[in-house]
Amino acid sequence: MPLDTTTRMLAPFLDRLTDDELDSIPYGVVQLDAEGVVRSYNRAEAENVGGIPRPIGRRFFSEVCPSANVPELWGRFRQAVIDHRLDATFQFTFSCGPRPRPVQVRMYYSVRTRSVWLFVAKPDGTPLDRVGVAQPRLIRPTPSHGIDLRTPRVA
């Protein structure tokens, strides 16, 4: 399933997903608070930047990934925090990790938690390659919210 479709289905439920549920998503997922501090960081993203420990509580734009401190990411992030809205998909190249990594990024602002979610995919929008981990085909339904995320829903 392409990144755009997956995030459209997940957007209403993001803030309720557990760490295990976030880890089941085959895309990189990072949640940043209004100050740019990492609040969630899933396994797919950690593995794709070289297996670094999850940087929960660290400043994303200065400590975790300084290459993201550019208008394409930092500028959109700051504007989302000011406007309390954002839903944008764009191409980007991260320079943090073992080598430059061209990706497709979707940034989504959550009004409920006043945070910005970053979804990271391959440049064509498909799931990231996860080293040594079988890729799940679909996101499983979870008992915490009782919604089957495999079925497209109209909001």
N, C-alpha and C. Protein backbone atom coordinates (compact mmCIF):
# COMPACT_ATOMS: atom_id res chain seq x y z
N MET A 1 0.84 -1.16 0.00
CA MET A 1 0.00 0.00 0.00
C MET A 1 0.90 1.24 0.00
N PRO A 2 0.66 2.22 -0.87
CA PRO A 2 1.50 3.42 -0.91
C PRO A 2 1.39 4.25 0.36
N LEU A 3 2.41 5.04 0.61
CA LEU A 3 2.48 5.87 1.81
C LEU A 3 1.26 6.75 1.97
N ASP A 4 0.82 7.41 0.92
CA ASP A 4 -0.30 8.34 1.01
C ASP A 4 -1.57 7.64 1.50
N THR A 5 -1.86 6.46 0.97
CA THR A 5 -3.04 5.70 1.37
C THR A 5 -2.93 5.25 2.82
N THR A 6 -1.76 4.75 3.20
CA THR A 6 -1.56 4.27 4.56
C THR A 6 -1.74 5.39 5.57
N THR A 7 -1.12 6.54 5.32
CA THR A 7 -1.22 7.62 6.30
C THR A 7 -2.62 8.21 6.34
N ARG A 8 -3.33 8.21 5.23
CA ARG A 8 -4.71 8.71 5.23
C ARG A 8 -5.56 7.83 6.14
N MET A 9 -5.34 6.52 6.11
CA MET A 9 -6.11 5.61 6.95
C MET A 9 -5.69 5.71 8.41
N LEU A 10 -4.41 5.97 8.67
CA LEU A 10 -3.91 6.00 10.04
C LEU A 10 -4.12 7.34 10.74
N ALA A 11 -4.21 8.41 10.01
CA ALA A 11 -4.23 9.76 10.61
C ALA A 11 -5.17 9.90 11.80
N PRO A 12 -6.42 9.45 11.72
CA PRO A 12 -7.31 9.64 12.87
C PRO A 12 -6.92 8.83 14.10
N PHE A 13 -6.08 7.82 13.93
CA PHE A 13 -5.75 6.90 15.02
C PHE A 13 -4.32 7.02 15.52
N LEU A 14 -3.51 7.85 14.88
CA LEU A 14 -2.08 7.92 15.20
C LEU A 14 -1.82 8.06 16.69
N ASP A 15 -2.48 9.00 17.32
CA ASP A 15 -2.19 9.32 18.71
C ASP A 15 -2.59 8.22 19.67
N ARG A 16 -3.34 7.24 19.19
CA ARG A 16 -3.80 6.15 20.06
C ARG A 16 -2.99 4.87 19.87
N LEU A 17 -2.08 4.85 18.90
CA LEU A 17 -1.33 3.63 18.62
C LEU A 17 -0.25 3.41 19.67
N THR A 18 -0.08 2.16 20.08
CA THR A 18 0.97 1.81 21.03
C THR A 18 2.30 1.71 20.29
N ASP A 19 3.40 1.61 21.04
CA ASP A 19 4.71 1.45 20.42
C ASP A 19 4.76 0.19 19.56
N ASP A 20 4.16 -0.90 20.03
CA ASP A 20 4.14 -2.15 19.25
C ASP A 20 3.38 -1.97 17.94
N GLU A 21 2.27 -1.24 18.00
CA GLU A 21 1.49 -0.99 16.78
C GLU A 21 2.26 -0.10 15.82
N LEU A 22 2.94 0.91 16.33
CA LEU A 22 3.77 1.75 15.47
C LEU A 22 4.89 0.92 14.84
N ASP A 23 5.46 -0.01 15.61
CA ASP A 23 6.52 -0.88 15.08
C ASP A 23 6.03 -1.80 13.98
N SER A 24 4.74 -2.08 13.92
CA SER A 24 4.21 -2.96 12.88
C SER A 24 4.04 -2.23 11.54
N ILE A 25 4.16 -0.91 11.55
CA ILE A 25 4.02 -0.12 10.32
C ILE A 25 5.32 -0.21 9.54
N PRO A 26 5.28 -0.59 8.27
CA PRO A 26 6.50 -0.78 7.49
C PRO A 26 7.13 0.52 6.97
N TYR A 27 6.64 1.65 7.39
CA TYR A 27 7.20 2.95 7.03
C TYR A 27 7.89 3.52 8.26
N GLY A 28 8.85 4.41 8.06
CA GLY A 28 9.42 5.12 9.19
C GLY A 28 8.37 6.05 9.77
N VAL A 29 8.22 6.06 11.08
CA VAL A 29 7.25 6.92 11.74
C VAL A 29 7.95 7.64 12.89
N VAL A 30 7.86 8.98 12.87
CA VAL A 30 8.46 9.80 13.92
C VAL A 30 7.41 10.82 14.35
N GLN A 31 7.21 10.95 15.65
CA GLN A 31 6.31 11.97 16.19
C GLN A 31 7.15 13.01 16.90
N LEU A 32 6.91 14.29 16.56
CA LEU A 32 7.64 15.40 17.18
C LEU A 32 6.66 16.30 17.90
N ASP A 33 7.02 16.72 19.10
CA ASP A 33 6.17 17.68 19.80
C ASP A 33 6.40 19.07 19.19
N ALA A 34 5.74 20.07 19.72
CA ALA A 34 5.80 21.42 19.15
C ALA A 34 7.19 22.04 19.22
N GLU A 35 8.07 21.50 20.05
CA GLU A 35 9.45 21.99 20.15
C GLU A 35 10.42 21.19 19.27
N GLY A 36 9.91 20.17 18.58
CA GLY A 36 10.77 19.34 17.74
C GLY A 36 11.45 18.22 18.49
N VAL A 37 10.94 17.89 19.68
CA VAL A 37 11.49 16.79 20.48
C VAL A 37 10.78 15.50 20.07
N VAL A 38 11.55 14.44 19.90
CA VAL A 38 11.02 13.15 19.46
C VAL A 38 10.18 12.54 20.58
N ARG A 39 8.91 12.20 20.26
CA ARG A 39 8.00 11.55 21.21
C ARG A 39 7.76 10.09 20.84
N SER A 40 7.79 9.77 19.56
CA SER A 40 7.66 8.38 19.09
C SER A 40 8.62 8.19 17.94
N TYR A 41 9.14 6.96 17.81
CA TYR A 41 10.12 6.66 16.77
C TYR A 41 10.04 5.16 16.54
N ASN A 42 9.52 4.74 15.40
CA ASN A 42 9.27 3.30 15.25
C ASN A 42 10.49 2.53 14.77
N ARG A 43 10.37 1.23 14.83
CA ARG A 43 11.46 0.31 14.50
C ARG A 43 11.93 0.46 13.05
N ALA A 44 11.01 0.63 12.11
CA ALA A 44 11.40 0.75 10.69
C ALA A 44 12.33 1.93 10.48
N GLU A 45 12.04 3.06 11.12
CA GLU A 45 12.90 4.24 10.97
C GLU A 45 14.25 4.01 11.64
N ALA A 46 14.25 3.42 12.83
CA ALA A 46 15.50 3.15 13.54
C ALA A 46 16.41 2.24 12.71
N GLU A 47 15.83 1.21 12.09
CA GLU A 47 16.62 0.28 11.29
C GLU A 47 17.15 0.95 10.02
N ASN A 48 16.39 1.85 9.45
CA ASN A 48 16.80 2.47 8.20
C ASN A 48 17.82 3.59 8.36
N VAL A 49 18.06 4.02 9.57
CA VAL A 49 19.14 4.99 9.78
C VAL A 49 20.34 4.31 10.44
N GLY A 50 20.40 3.00 10.32
CA GLY A 50 21.57 2.28 10.79
C GLY A 50 21.42 1.61 12.13
N GLY A 51 20.18 1.37 12.55
CA GLY A 51 19.95 0.65 13.80
C GLY A 51 20.28 1.46 15.04
N ILE A 52 20.18 2.77 14.95
CA ILE A 52 20.46 3.61 16.12
C ILE A 52 19.41 3.37 17.19
N PRO A 53 19.76 3.59 18.45
CA PRO A 53 18.73 3.50 19.50
C PRO A 53 17.67 4.58 19.26
N ARG A 54 16.47 4.31 19.67
CA ARG A 54 15.40 5.30 19.47
C ARG A 54 15.71 6.57 20.26
N PRO A 55 15.66 7.71 19.58
CA PRO A 55 16.07 8.97 20.23
C PRO A 55 14.94 9.69 20.96
N ILE A 56 14.13 8.96 21.69
CA ILE A 56 13.00 9.57 22.41
C ILE A 56 13.55 10.63 23.38
N GLY A 57 12.92 11.82 23.35
CA GLY A 57 13.32 12.90 24.24
C GLY A 57 14.43 13.78 23.69
N ARG A 58 14.95 13.46 22.51
CA ARG A 58 16.02 14.27 21.92
C ARG A 58 15.45 15.21 20.86
N ARG A 59 16.13 16.30 20.61
CA ARG A 59 15.70 17.28 19.62
C ARG A 59 16.02 16.77 18.22
N PHE A 60 14.98 16.58 17.42
CA PHE A 60 15.14 15.97 16.10
C PHE A 60 16.01 16.80 15.16
N PHE A 61 15.75 18.10 15.08
CA PHE A 61 16.40 18.93 14.08
C PHE A 61 17.83 19.33 14.43
N SER A 62 18.25 19.16 15.67
CA SER A 62 19.62 19.52 16.03
C SER A 62 20.45 18.32 16.50
N GLU A 63 19.84 17.39 17.22
CA GLU A 63 20.60 16.26 17.75
C GLU A 63 20.46 14.98 16.93
N VAL A 64 19.25 14.68 16.49
CA VAL A 64 18.98 13.40 15.83
C VAL A 64 19.33 13.45 14.35
N CYS A 65 18.86 14.48 13.67
CA CYS A 65 19.06 14.56 12.22
C CYS A 65 19.25 16.02 11.79
N PRO A 66 20.43 16.57 12.02
CA PRO A 66 20.68 17.97 11.65
C PRO A 66 20.46 18.27 10.17
N SER A 67 20.57 17.26 9.31
CA SER A 67 20.33 17.51 7.87
C SER A 67 18.88 17.87 7.59
N ALA A 68 17.99 17.64 8.56
CA ALA A 68 16.58 17.99 8.41
C ALA A 68 16.31 19.45 8.78
N ASN A 69 17.32 20.14 9.28
CA ASN A 69 17.16 21.53 9.70
C ASN A 69 17.29 22.46 8.50
N VAL A 70 16.39 22.27 7.54
CA VAL A 70 16.33 23.06 6.31
C VAL A 70 14.87 23.43 6.06
N PRO A 71 14.62 24.44 5.23
CA PRO A 71 13.23 24.88 5.01
C PRO A 71 12.26 23.77 4.61
N GLU A 72 12.72 22.80 3.81
CA GLU A 72 11.81 21.74 3.36
C GLU A 72 11.20 20.98 4.54
N LEU A 73 11.96 20.77 5.59
CA LEU A 73 11.44 20.06 6.76
C LEU A 73 11.22 20.99 7.95
N TRP A 74 12.26 21.64 8.42
CA TRP A 74 12.14 22.52 9.58
C TRP A 74 11.13 23.62 9.32
N GLY A 75 11.20 24.24 8.14
CA GLY A 75 10.27 25.31 7.81
C GLY A 75 8.82 24.85 7.82
N ARG A 76 8.57 23.70 7.22
CA ARG A 76 7.20 23.15 7.21
C ARG A 76 6.75 22.78 8.62
N PHE A 77 7.67 22.22 9.39
CA PHE A 77 7.36 21.86 10.77
C PHE A 77 6.94 23.10 11.56
N ARG A 78 7.76 24.15 11.53
CA ARG A 78 7.46 25.38 12.29
C ARG A 78 6.14 25.99 11.84
N GLN A 79 5.90 26.00 10.53
CA GLN A 79 4.65 26.58 10.04
C GLN A 79 3.45 25.75 10.50
N ALA A 80 3.60 24.44 10.54
CA ALA A 80 2.51 23.57 11.01
C ALA A 80 2.18 23.86 12.47
N VAL A 81 3.21 24.06 13.28
CA VAL A 81 3.01 24.35 14.70
C VAL A 81 2.29 25.69 14.86
N ILE A 82 2.65 26.67 14.04
CA ILE A 82 2.01 27.99 14.11
C ILE A 82 0.56 27.93 13.62
N ASP A 83 0.34 27.25 12.48
CA ASP A 83 -0.98 27.20 11.85
C ASP A 83 -1.90 26.13 12.44
N HIS A 84 -1.35 25.19 13.18
CA HIS A 84 -2.09 24.05 13.72
C HIS A 84 -2.72 23.21 12.61
N ARG A 85 -1.99 23.09 11.51
CA ARG A 85 -2.45 22.21 10.42
C ARG A 85 -1.30 21.97 9.44
N LEU A 86 -1.28 20.78 8.89
CA LEU A 86 -0.32 20.42 7.84
C LEU A 86 -0.65 19.01 7.38
N ASP A 87 -0.61 18.81 6.11
CA ASP A 87 -0.68 17.49 5.51
C ASP A 87 0.02 17.63 4.17
N ALA A 88 1.31 17.32 4.14
CA ALA A 88 2.11 17.52 2.93
C ALA A 88 2.98 16.31 2.66
N THR A 89 3.12 15.98 1.38
CA THR A 89 3.98 14.88 0.95
C THR A 89 5.00 15.45 -0.02
N PHE A 90 6.28 15.07 0.17
CA PHE A 90 7.34 15.62 -0.67
C PHE A 90 8.57 14.71 -0.64
N GLN A 91 9.46 14.91 -1.59
CA GLN A 91 10.71 14.16 -1.67
C GLN A 91 11.77 14.87 -0.82
N PHE A 92 12.66 14.10 -0.19
CA PHE A 92 13.70 14.67 0.63
C PHE A 92 14.87 13.69 0.69
N THR A 93 16.07 14.20 0.97
CA THR A 93 17.22 13.33 1.18
C THR A 93 17.77 13.59 2.57
N PHE A 94 17.68 12.57 3.43
CA PHE A 94 18.25 12.65 4.76
C PHE A 94 19.74 12.33 4.67
N SER A 95 20.55 13.10 5.37
CA SER A 95 21.99 12.83 5.40
C SER A 95 22.43 12.28 6.75
N CYS A 96 21.48 12.00 7.63
CA CYS A 96 21.84 11.38 8.90
C CYS A 96 21.83 9.86 8.68
N GLY A 97 22.59 9.17 9.47
CA GLY A 97 22.72 7.73 9.27
C GLY A 97 23.98 7.43 8.48
N PRO A 98 24.15 6.17 8.07
CA PRO A 98 25.40 5.75 7.43
C PRO A 98 25.63 6.35 6.04
N ARG A 99 24.57 6.75 5.34
CA ARG A 99 24.73 7.31 3.98
C ARG A 99 23.50 8.15 3.65
N PRO A 100 23.62 9.05 2.67
CA PRO A 100 22.44 9.84 2.26
C PRO A 100 21.31 8.91 1.86
N ARG A 101 20.10 9.31 2.20
CA ARG A 101 18.95 8.44 1.98
C ARG A 101 17.81 9.24 1.35
N PRO A 102 17.63 9.09 0.02
CA PRO A 102 16.48 9.76 -0.62
C PRO A 102 15.20 9.04 -0.22
N VAL A 103 14.19 9.83 0.17
CA VAL A 103 12.94 9.26 0.66
C VAL A 103 11.76 10.13 0.22
N GLN A 104 10.58 9.60 0.45
CA GLN A 104 9.36 10.39 0.36
C GLN A 104 8.90 10.61 1.80
N VAL A 105 8.58 11.85 2.13
CA VAL A 105 8.16 12.19 3.49
C VAL A 105 6.73 12.70 3.44
N ARG A 106 5.95 12.26 4.40
CA ARG A 106 4.63 12.85 4.59
C ARG A 106 4.61 13.43 5.99
N MET A 107 4.32 14.71 6.09
CA MET A 107 4.21 15.39 7.38
C MET A 107 2.74 15.65 7.65
N TYR A 108 2.33 15.32 8.87
CA TYR A 108 0.93 15.46 9.24
C TYR A 108 0.85 16.08 10.63
N TYR A 109 0.09 17.14 10.79
CA TYR A 109 -0.10 17.79 12.08
C TYR A 109 -1.32 17.20 12.78
N SER A 110 -1.14 16.79 14.04
CA SER A 110 -2.24 16.26 14.83
C SER A 110 -2.74 17.36 15.76
N VAL A 111 -3.96 17.79 15.55
CA VAL A 111 -4.56 18.84 16.38
C VAL A 111 -4.74 18.32 17.81
N ARG A 112 -5.11 17.05 17.93
CA ARG A 112 -5.39 16.47 19.25
C ARG A 112 -4.19 16.54 20.18
N THR A 113 -2.99 16.20 19.69
CA THR A 113 -1.80 16.19 20.54
C THR A 113 -0.86 17.34 20.25
N ARG A 114 -1.22 18.18 19.30
CA ARG A 114 -0.37 19.31 18.90
C ARG A 114 1.04 18.84 18.58
N SER A 115 1.10 17.79 17.78
CA SER A 115 2.39 17.24 17.37
C SER A 115 2.41 17.04 15.87
N VAL A 116 3.62 16.86 15.34
CA VAL A 116 3.80 16.63 13.91
C VAL A 116 4.32 15.21 13.73
N TRP A 117 3.68 14.48 12.83
CA TRP A 117 4.09 13.12 12.51
C TRP A 117 4.83 13.15 11.18
N LEU A 118 5.95 12.44 11.12
CA LEU A 118 6.70 12.26 9.88
C LEU A 118 6.57 10.80 9.49
N PHE A 119 6.16 10.55 8.27
CA PHE A 119 6.14 9.20 7.71
C PHE A 119 7.21 9.18 6.63
N VAL A 120 8.04 8.16 6.64
CA VAL A 120 9.16 8.07 5.71
C VAL A 120 9.02 6.79 4.90
N ALA A 121 9.14 6.93 3.58
CA ALA A 121 9.02 5.79 2.67
C ALA A 121 10.15 5.85 1.64
N LYS A 122 10.23 4.82 0.83
CA LYS A 122 11.14 4.88 -0.32
C LYS A 122 10.68 6.03 -1.21
N PRO A 123 11.55 6.52 -2.11
CA PRO A 123 11.16 7.64 -2.97
C PRO A 123 9.87 7.42 -3.76
N ASP A 124 9.54 6.16 -4.06
CA ASP A 124 8.31 5.89 -4.82
C ASP A 124 7.09 5.72 -3.92
N GLY A 125 7.26 5.90 -2.60
CA GLY A 125 6.14 5.82 -1.67
C GLY A 125 5.89 4.43 -1.10
N THR A 126 6.70 3.46 -1.48
CA THR A 126 6.52 2.09 -0.97
C THR A 126 7.23 1.94 0.37
N PRO A 127 6.89 0.88 1.14
CA PRO A 127 7.49 0.68 2.45
C PRO A 127 9.01 0.57 2.39
N LEU A 128 9.64 0.92 3.50
CA LEU A 128 11.08 0.81 3.63
C LEU A 128 11.51 -0.64 3.67
N ASP A 129 12.74 -0.91 3.25
CA ASP A 129 13.29 -2.25 3.40
C ASP A 129 13.73 -2.40 4.84
N ARG A 130 13.26 -3.44 5.47
CA ARG A 130 13.62 -3.67 6.86
C ARG A 130 14.58 -4.84 6.92
N VAL A 131 15.77 -4.57 7.37
CA VAL A 131 16.84 -5.55 7.40
C VAL A 131 16.48 -6.69 8.34
N GLY A 132 16.43 -7.90 7.79
CA GLY A 132 16.18 -9.09 8.59
C GLY A 132 14.78 -9.20 9.16
N VAL A 133 13.86 -8.38 8.71
CA VAL A 133 12.50 -8.43 9.24
C VAL A 133 11.54 -8.64 8.07
N ALA A 134 10.67 -9.63 8.21
CA ALA A 134 9.66 -9.85 7.16
C ALA A 134 8.71 -8.66 7.15
N GLN A 135 8.44 -8.13 5.97
CA GLN A 135 7.54 -6.98 5.85
C GLN A 135 6.10 -7.43 6.04
N PRO A 136 5.39 -6.79 6.96
CA PRO A 136 3.97 -7.12 7.07
C PRO A 136 3.23 -6.61 5.85
N ARG A 137 2.28 -7.37 5.37
CA ARG A 137 1.53 -6.95 4.18
C ARG A 137 0.51 -5.89 4.52
N LEU A 138 -0.12 -6.04 5.68
CA LEU A 138 -1.16 -5.10 6.08
C LEU A 138 -0.99 -4.75 7.55
N ILE A 139 -1.47 -3.62 7.92
CA ILE A 139 -1.46 -3.24 9.32
C ILE A 139 -2.59 -3.99 10.00
N ARG A 140 -2.29 -4.62 11.11
CA ARG A 140 -3.28 -5.44 11.80
C ARG A 140 -4.26 -4.58 12.58
N PRO A 141 -5.50 -5.06 12.72
CA PRO A 141 -6.44 -4.36 13.60
C PRO A 141 -5.96 -4.51 15.04
N THR A 142 -6.29 -3.56 15.87
CA THR A 142 -5.82 -3.61 17.24
C THR A 142 -6.98 -3.48 18.21
N PRO A 143 -6.85 -4.13 19.35
CA PRO A 143 -7.93 -4.05 20.32
C PRO A 143 -8.05 -2.68 20.97
N SER A 144 -7.00 -1.85 20.91
CA SER A 144 -7.06 -0.57 21.61
C SER A 144 -8.08 0.39 21.02
N HIS A 145 -8.35 0.27 19.73
CA HIS A 145 -9.36 1.15 19.15
C HIS A 145 -10.40 0.39 18.33
N GLY A 146 -10.21 -0.91 18.15
CA GLY A 146 -11.23 -1.75 17.53
C GLY A 146 -11.51 -1.48 16.07
N ILE A 147 -10.65 -0.78 15.37
CA ILE A 147 -10.88 -0.46 13.97
C ILE A 147 -9.94 -1.30 13.13
N ASP A 148 -10.45 -1.90 12.11
CA ASP A 148 -9.64 -2.68 11.19
C ASP A 148 -9.03 -1.70 10.18
N LEU A 149 -7.73 -1.43 10.32
CA LEU A 149 -7.08 -0.43 9.46
C LEU A 149 -6.84 -0.94 8.04
N ARG A 150 -7.19 -2.20 7.78
CA ARG A 150 -7.00 -2.71 6.44
C ARG A 150 -8.12 -2.25 5.51
N THR A 151 -9.22 -1.82 6.05
CA THR A 151 -10.36 -1.42 5.22
C THR A 151 -10.34 0.08 5.03
N PRO A 152 -10.35 0.55 3.79
CA PRO A 152 -10.36 2.00 3.59
C PRO A 152 -11.63 2.61 4.17
N ARG A 153 -11.49 3.74 4.78
CA ARG A 153 -12.60 4.45 5.37
C ARG A 153 -12.63 5.87 4.82
N VAL A 154 -13.82 6.39 4.70
CA VAL A 154 -13.98 7.77 4.25
C VAL A 154 -14.21 8.61 5.48
N ALA A 155 -13.41 9.65 5.63
CA ALA A 155 -13.54 10.52 6.81
C ALA A 155 -14.55 11.62 6.55
